[in-house]
Amino acid sequence: MEAKSNDTTWTDICPLNDLTPDAGICALFNQQQVAIFLCKQSNSVYAVDNFDPFGEANVLSRGIIGSTADITYVASPLYKQRFNLVTGECLDSEEHKLKTFNVRIENDHIQLKEAS
């Protein structure tokens, strides 16, 4: 699925019921692959870059959701590095960080907007 937007508007990506709790989907947004997750524990939706900088592949939407302390993360399905779903920071290596996206639910649809 592909969605186009400019930096000031929200873009519909998919219906909320397309997301399975604690699993990811991949969407094309502004020519970028974005991994979108519905976290059951926090009842929140997160959106990060789908590209795993360690495995150099677009696979994070297939990652495993987890949490430690107050941090909800996705673990890469390749080498298992964990990325904070709020900040994009790698919990296992300070030198890597994912791009994050603003995400909201509007009229039962997931919407994205470029983070500022």
N, C-alpha and C. Protein backbone atom coordinates (compact mmCIF):
# COMPACT_ATOMS: atom_id res chain seq x y z
N MET A 1 0.83 -1.16 0.00
CA MET A 1 0.00 0.00 0.00
C MET A 1 0.88 1.23 0.00
N GLU A 2 0.50 2.27 -0.75
CA GLU A 2 1.30 3.49 -0.82
C GLU A 2 0.43 4.68 -0.46
N ALA A 3 0.99 5.55 0.36
CA ALA A 3 0.31 6.78 0.73
C ALA A 3 1.25 7.94 0.48
N LYS A 4 0.73 9.03 -0.06
CA LYS A 4 1.55 10.21 -0.31
C LYS A 4 1.01 11.36 0.53
N SER A 5 1.93 12.24 0.92
CA SER A 5 1.56 13.34 1.79
C SER A 5 2.60 14.43 1.67
N ASN A 6 2.27 15.62 2.19
CA ASN A 6 3.31 16.60 2.40
C ASN A 6 3.56 16.68 3.90
N ASP A 7 4.51 17.49 4.32
CA ASP A 7 4.94 17.49 5.71
C ASP A 7 3.91 18.05 6.69
N THR A 8 2.84 18.69 6.21
CA THR A 8 1.92 19.35 7.13
C THR A 8 0.59 18.63 7.28
N THR A 9 0.38 17.55 6.57
CA THR A 9 -0.91 16.88 6.65
C THR A 9 -0.77 15.44 7.13
N TRP A 10 -1.84 14.96 7.68
CA TRP A 10 -1.92 13.55 8.07
C TRP A 10 -2.40 12.76 6.87
N THR A 11 -1.89 11.56 6.71
CA THR A 11 -2.23 10.70 5.58
C THR A 11 -2.82 9.39 6.07
N ASP A 12 -4.00 9.03 5.54
CA ASP A 12 -4.58 7.72 5.85
C ASP A 12 -3.68 6.62 5.32
N ILE A 13 -3.41 5.62 6.16
CA ILE A 13 -2.58 4.49 5.77
C ILE A 13 -3.41 3.23 5.60
N CYS A 14 -4.22 2.91 6.62
CA CYS A 14 -5.03 1.70 6.57
C CYS A 14 -6.08 1.75 7.68
N PRO A 15 -7.12 0.93 7.58
CA PRO A 15 -8.07 0.81 8.68
C PRO A 15 -7.38 0.23 9.92
N LEU A 16 -7.80 0.67 11.08
CA LEU A 16 -7.23 0.18 12.33
C LEU A 16 -7.33 -1.33 12.43
N ASN A 17 -8.44 -1.90 11.95
CA ASN A 17 -8.61 -3.36 12.08
C ASN A 17 -7.70 -4.16 11.14
N ASP A 18 -6.89 -3.49 10.31
CA ASP A 18 -5.86 -4.19 9.53
C ASP A 18 -4.67 -4.57 10.40
N LEU A 19 -4.55 -3.95 11.57
CA LEU A 19 -3.44 -4.25 12.47
C LEU A 19 -3.82 -5.35 13.45
N THR A 20 -2.91 -6.27 13.65
CA THR A 20 -3.06 -7.33 14.64
C THR A 20 -2.26 -6.91 15.86
N PRO A 21 -2.85 -6.97 17.07
CA PRO A 21 -2.09 -6.58 18.26
C PRO A 21 -0.77 -7.34 18.37
N ASP A 22 0.28 -6.58 18.70
CA ASP A 22 1.64 -7.10 18.90
C ASP A 22 2.26 -7.70 17.64
N ALA A 23 1.81 -7.21 16.50
CA ALA A 23 2.41 -7.61 15.22
C ALA A 23 2.51 -6.36 14.36
N GLY A 24 3.37 -6.40 13.35
CA GLY A 24 3.58 -5.23 12.52
C GLY A 24 3.06 -5.41 11.11
N ILE A 25 2.87 -4.27 10.45
CA ILE A 25 2.59 -4.24 9.02
C ILE A 25 3.58 -3.26 8.39
N CYS A 26 3.76 -3.36 7.11
CA CYS A 26 4.63 -2.43 6.39
C CYS A 26 3.76 -1.62 5.43
N ALA A 27 4.00 -0.30 5.39
CA ALA A 27 3.29 0.58 4.47
C ALA A 27 4.30 1.49 3.78
N LEU A 28 3.99 1.86 2.56
CA LEU A 28 4.83 2.81 1.83
C LEU A 28 4.25 4.20 2.06
N PHE A 29 5.04 5.07 2.67
CA PHE A 29 4.61 6.43 3.02
C PHE A 29 5.69 7.40 2.55
N ASN A 30 5.32 8.31 1.66
CA ASN A 30 6.29 9.28 1.11
C ASN A 30 7.54 8.57 0.58
N GLN A 31 7.34 7.49 -0.15
CA GLN A 31 8.42 6.72 -0.78
C GLN A 31 9.35 6.03 0.23
N GLN A 32 8.88 5.82 1.46
CA GLN A 32 9.66 5.13 2.49
C GLN A 32 8.85 3.97 3.03
N GLN A 33 9.51 2.86 3.33
CA GLN A 33 8.84 1.75 3.99
C GLN A 33 8.76 2.06 5.49
N VAL A 34 7.55 1.99 6.03
CA VAL A 34 7.32 2.27 7.44
C VAL A 34 6.73 1.03 8.10
N ALA A 35 7.29 0.67 9.25
CA ALA A 35 6.76 -0.44 10.06
C ALA A 35 5.79 0.15 11.07
N ILE A 36 4.57 -0.37 11.10
CA ILE A 36 3.53 0.14 11.99
C ILE A 36 3.10 -0.99 12.92
N PHE A 37 3.03 -0.67 14.22
CA PHE A 37 2.72 -1.66 15.24
C PHE A 37 1.59 -1.19 16.14
N LEU A 38 0.70 -2.12 16.49
CA LEU A 38 -0.32 -1.90 17.51
C LEU A 38 0.10 -2.71 18.73
N CYS A 39 0.50 -2.01 19.78
CA CYS A 39 0.98 -2.68 20.99
C CYS A 39 -0.18 -2.93 21.94
N LYS A 40 -0.42 -4.19 22.23
CA LYS A 40 -1.55 -4.59 23.08
C LYS A 40 -1.39 -4.08 24.52
N GLN A 41 -0.17 -4.19 25.08
CA GLN A 41 0.06 -3.82 26.47
C GLN A 41 -0.20 -2.33 26.72
N SER A 42 0.31 -1.47 25.86
CA SER A 42 0.14 -0.03 26.06
C SER A 42 -1.06 0.53 25.29
N ASN A 43 -1.70 -0.30 24.48
CA ASN A 43 -2.82 0.11 23.64
C ASN A 43 -2.45 1.34 22.80
N SER A 44 -1.23 1.30 22.24
CA SER A 44 -0.71 2.40 21.44
C SER A 44 -0.29 1.91 20.06
N VAL A 45 -0.27 2.85 19.12
CA VAL A 45 0.21 2.56 17.77
C VAL A 45 1.53 3.30 17.57
N TYR A 46 2.51 2.62 16.98
CA TYR A 46 3.84 3.18 16.75
C TYR A 46 4.20 3.02 15.28
N ALA A 47 5.04 3.94 14.78
CA ALA A 47 5.51 3.86 13.39
C ALA A 47 6.99 4.23 13.34
N VAL A 48 7.79 3.33 12.78
CA VAL A 48 9.23 3.55 12.64
C VAL A 48 9.67 3.10 11.25
N ASP A 49 10.87 3.51 10.87
CA ASP A 49 11.48 3.07 9.62
C ASP A 49 11.51 1.54 9.60
N ASN A 50 11.18 0.94 8.48
CA ASN A 50 11.17 -0.52 8.36
C ASN A 50 12.57 -1.10 8.12
N PHE A 51 13.56 -0.23 7.87
CA PHE A 51 14.92 -0.68 7.51
C PHE A 51 15.73 -1.01 8.76
N ASP A 52 16.23 -2.23 8.83
CA ASP A 52 17.10 -2.68 9.92
C ASP A 52 18.54 -2.29 9.56
N PRO A 53 19.15 -1.35 10.30
CA PRO A 53 20.50 -0.91 9.94
C PRO A 53 21.58 -1.97 10.17
N PHE A 54 21.31 -2.97 10.97
CA PHE A 54 22.28 -4.04 11.22
C PHE A 54 22.22 -5.09 10.10
N GLY A 55 21.03 -5.56 9.79
CA GLY A 55 20.86 -6.57 8.75
C GLY A 55 20.78 -5.99 7.36
N GLU A 56 20.68 -4.64 7.28
CA GLU A 56 20.58 -3.92 6.02
C GLU A 56 19.46 -4.47 5.14
N ALA A 57 18.28 -4.61 5.75
CA ALA A 57 17.11 -5.12 5.03
C ALA A 57 15.85 -4.49 5.61
N ASN A 58 14.82 -4.38 4.80
CA ASN A 58 13.53 -3.84 5.24
C ASN A 58 12.71 -4.96 5.87
N VAL A 59 12.92 -5.18 7.17
CA VAL A 59 12.31 -6.33 7.84
C VAL A 59 11.69 -6.02 9.21
N LEU A 60 11.82 -4.80 9.70
CA LEU A 60 11.40 -4.55 11.09
C LEU A 60 9.91 -4.74 11.32
N SER A 61 9.09 -4.62 10.28
CA SER A 61 7.66 -4.87 10.45
C SER A 61 7.38 -6.32 10.83
N ARG A 62 8.36 -7.19 10.64
CA ARG A 62 8.23 -8.61 11.02
C ARG A 62 8.91 -8.90 12.35
N GLY A 63 9.30 -7.83 13.05
CA GLY A 63 10.00 -7.98 14.32
C GLY A 63 9.08 -8.39 15.46
N ILE A 64 9.69 -8.60 16.62
CA ILE A 64 8.98 -9.05 17.81
C ILE A 64 8.82 -7.87 18.77
N ILE A 65 7.58 -7.62 19.21
CA ILE A 65 7.30 -6.54 20.16
C ILE A 65 7.61 -7.03 21.57
N GLY A 66 8.22 -6.15 22.36
CA GLY A 66 8.52 -6.48 23.74
C GLY A 66 8.61 -5.21 24.57
N SER A 67 8.88 -5.37 25.85
CA SER A 67 9.06 -4.19 26.71
C SER A 67 10.02 -4.53 27.83
N THR A 68 10.71 -3.49 28.29
CA THR A 68 11.60 -3.58 29.42
C THR A 68 11.49 -2.26 30.17
N ALA A 69 11.31 -2.33 31.49
CA ALA A 69 11.07 -1.12 32.28
C ALA A 69 9.90 -0.36 31.66
N ASP A 70 10.13 0.88 31.24
CA ASP A 70 9.06 1.69 30.64
C ASP A 70 9.22 1.82 29.13
N ILE A 71 10.00 0.95 28.51
CA ILE A 71 10.31 1.08 27.09
C ILE A 71 9.64 -0.05 26.30
N THR A 72 8.85 0.34 25.31
CA THR A 72 8.28 -0.62 24.37
C THR A 72 9.20 -0.64 23.15
N TYR A 73 9.55 -1.84 22.69
CA TYR A 73 10.53 -1.94 21.60
C TYR A 73 10.11 -3.00 20.59
N VAL A 74 10.78 -2.94 19.43
CA VAL A 74 10.68 -4.00 18.44
C VAL A 74 12.07 -4.60 18.32
N ALA A 75 12.15 -5.93 18.33
CA ALA A 75 13.41 -6.64 18.14
C ALA A 75 13.47 -7.09 16.68
N SER A 76 14.58 -6.80 16.05
CA SER A 76 14.75 -7.19 14.65
C SER A 76 14.63 -8.70 14.49
N PRO A 77 13.95 -9.16 13.43
CA PRO A 77 13.87 -10.60 13.21
C PRO A 77 15.19 -11.20 12.72
N LEU A 78 16.14 -10.35 12.35
CA LEU A 78 17.42 -10.87 11.85
C LEU A 78 18.43 -11.11 12.97
N TYR A 79 18.91 -10.03 13.57
CA TYR A 79 19.96 -10.17 14.59
C TYR A 79 19.49 -9.80 15.99
N LYS A 80 18.21 -9.52 16.14
CA LYS A 80 17.54 -9.31 17.44
C LYS A 80 17.90 -8.01 18.16
N GLN A 81 18.50 -7.02 17.48
CA GLN A 81 18.71 -5.74 18.13
C GLN A 81 17.34 -5.13 18.42
N ARG A 82 17.26 -4.45 19.56
CA ARG A 82 15.99 -3.88 20.01
C ARG A 82 15.98 -2.36 19.77
N PHE A 83 14.86 -1.87 19.24
CA PHE A 83 14.70 -0.45 18.95
C PHE A 83 13.49 0.10 19.70
N ASN A 84 13.71 1.19 20.43
CA ASN A 84 12.64 1.88 21.16
C ASN A 84 11.62 2.38 20.13
N LEU A 85 10.35 2.01 20.31
CA LEU A 85 9.32 2.39 19.35
C LEU A 85 8.91 3.85 19.46
N VAL A 86 9.25 4.52 20.56
CA VAL A 86 8.92 5.94 20.72
C VAL A 86 10.02 6.82 20.13
N THR A 87 11.27 6.52 20.47
CA THR A 87 12.40 7.37 20.06
C THR A 87 13.17 6.85 18.86
N GLY A 88 13.05 5.56 18.56
CA GLY A 88 13.82 4.95 17.49
C GLY A 88 15.22 4.53 17.90
N GLU A 89 15.63 4.86 19.13
CA GLU A 89 16.98 4.54 19.59
C GLU A 89 17.17 3.04 19.74
N CYS A 90 18.36 2.58 19.36
CA CYS A 90 18.71 1.17 19.53
C CYS A 90 19.10 0.95 20.99
N LEU A 91 18.50 -0.03 21.63
CA LEU A 91 18.80 -0.32 23.03
C LEU A 91 20.09 -1.11 23.18
N ASP A 92 20.62 -1.61 22.09
CA ASP A 92 21.81 -2.46 22.12
C ASP A 92 23.05 -1.81 21.51
N SER A 93 22.89 -0.64 20.90
CA SER A 93 24.01 0.05 20.27
C SER A 93 23.66 1.53 20.12
N GLU A 94 24.43 2.40 20.75
CA GLU A 94 24.14 3.83 20.72
C GLU A 94 24.34 4.46 19.34
N GLU A 95 25.04 3.78 18.45
CA GLU A 95 25.36 4.39 17.17
C GLU A 95 24.25 4.25 16.12
N HIS A 96 23.17 3.54 16.42
CA HIS A 96 22.09 3.37 15.46
C HIS A 96 20.77 3.88 16.03
N LYS A 97 19.98 4.50 15.15
CA LYS A 97 18.67 5.01 15.54
C LYS A 97 17.76 4.95 14.32
N LEU A 98 16.51 4.56 14.56
CA LEU A 98 15.52 4.51 13.49
C LEU A 98 14.80 5.84 13.39
N LYS A 99 14.35 6.17 12.20
CA LYS A 99 13.47 7.32 12.01
C LYS A 99 12.10 6.94 12.57
N THR A 100 11.47 7.86 13.28
CA THR A 100 10.12 7.64 13.80
C THR A 100 9.14 8.54 13.07
N PHE A 101 7.88 8.18 13.13
CA PHE A 101 6.83 8.94 12.46
C PHE A 101 5.72 9.25 13.45
N ASN A 102 5.09 10.42 13.28
CA ASN A 102 3.90 10.72 14.07
C ASN A 102 2.79 9.80 13.57
N VAL A 103 2.05 9.23 14.50
CA VAL A 103 0.98 8.30 14.14
C VAL A 103 -0.22 8.58 15.02
N ARG A 104 -1.41 8.47 14.44
CA ARG A 104 -2.64 8.65 15.22
C ARG A 104 -3.74 7.79 14.61
N ILE A 105 -4.80 7.64 15.40
CA ILE A 105 -6.00 6.94 14.94
C ILE A 105 -7.09 7.99 14.77
N GLU A 106 -7.64 8.07 13.57
CA GLU A 106 -8.68 9.04 13.26
C GLU A 106 -9.77 8.32 12.48
N ASN A 107 -11.00 8.34 13.00
CA ASN A 107 -12.12 7.66 12.34
C ASN A 107 -11.79 6.20 12.03
N ASP A 108 -11.19 5.51 13.00
CA ASP A 108 -10.82 4.10 12.88
C ASP A 108 -9.83 3.82 11.75
N HIS A 109 -9.02 4.82 11.39
CA HIS A 109 -7.95 4.66 10.41
C HIS A 109 -6.62 5.08 11.03
N ILE A 110 -5.57 4.37 10.66
CA ILE A 110 -4.22 4.75 11.06
C ILE A 110 -3.78 5.87 10.12
N GLN A 111 -3.26 6.95 10.70
CA GLN A 111 -2.75 8.05 9.91
C GLN A 111 -1.30 8.33 10.31
N LEU A 112 -0.49 8.73 9.32
CA LEU A 112 0.91 9.08 9.56
C LEU A 112 1.18 10.51 9.12
N LYS A 113 2.20 11.07 9.76
CA LYS A 113 2.70 12.39 9.41
C LYS A 113 4.20 12.38 9.69
N GLU A 114 4.97 13.06 8.87
CA GLU A 114 6.42 13.14 9.10
C GLU A 114 6.67 13.74 10.47
N ALA A 115 7.62 13.18 11.20
CA ALA A 115 8.01 13.74 12.50
C ALA A 115 8.80 15.01 12.26
N SER A 116 8.63 15.97 13.17
CA SER A 116 9.38 17.23 12.99
C SER A 116 10.72 17.20 13.66
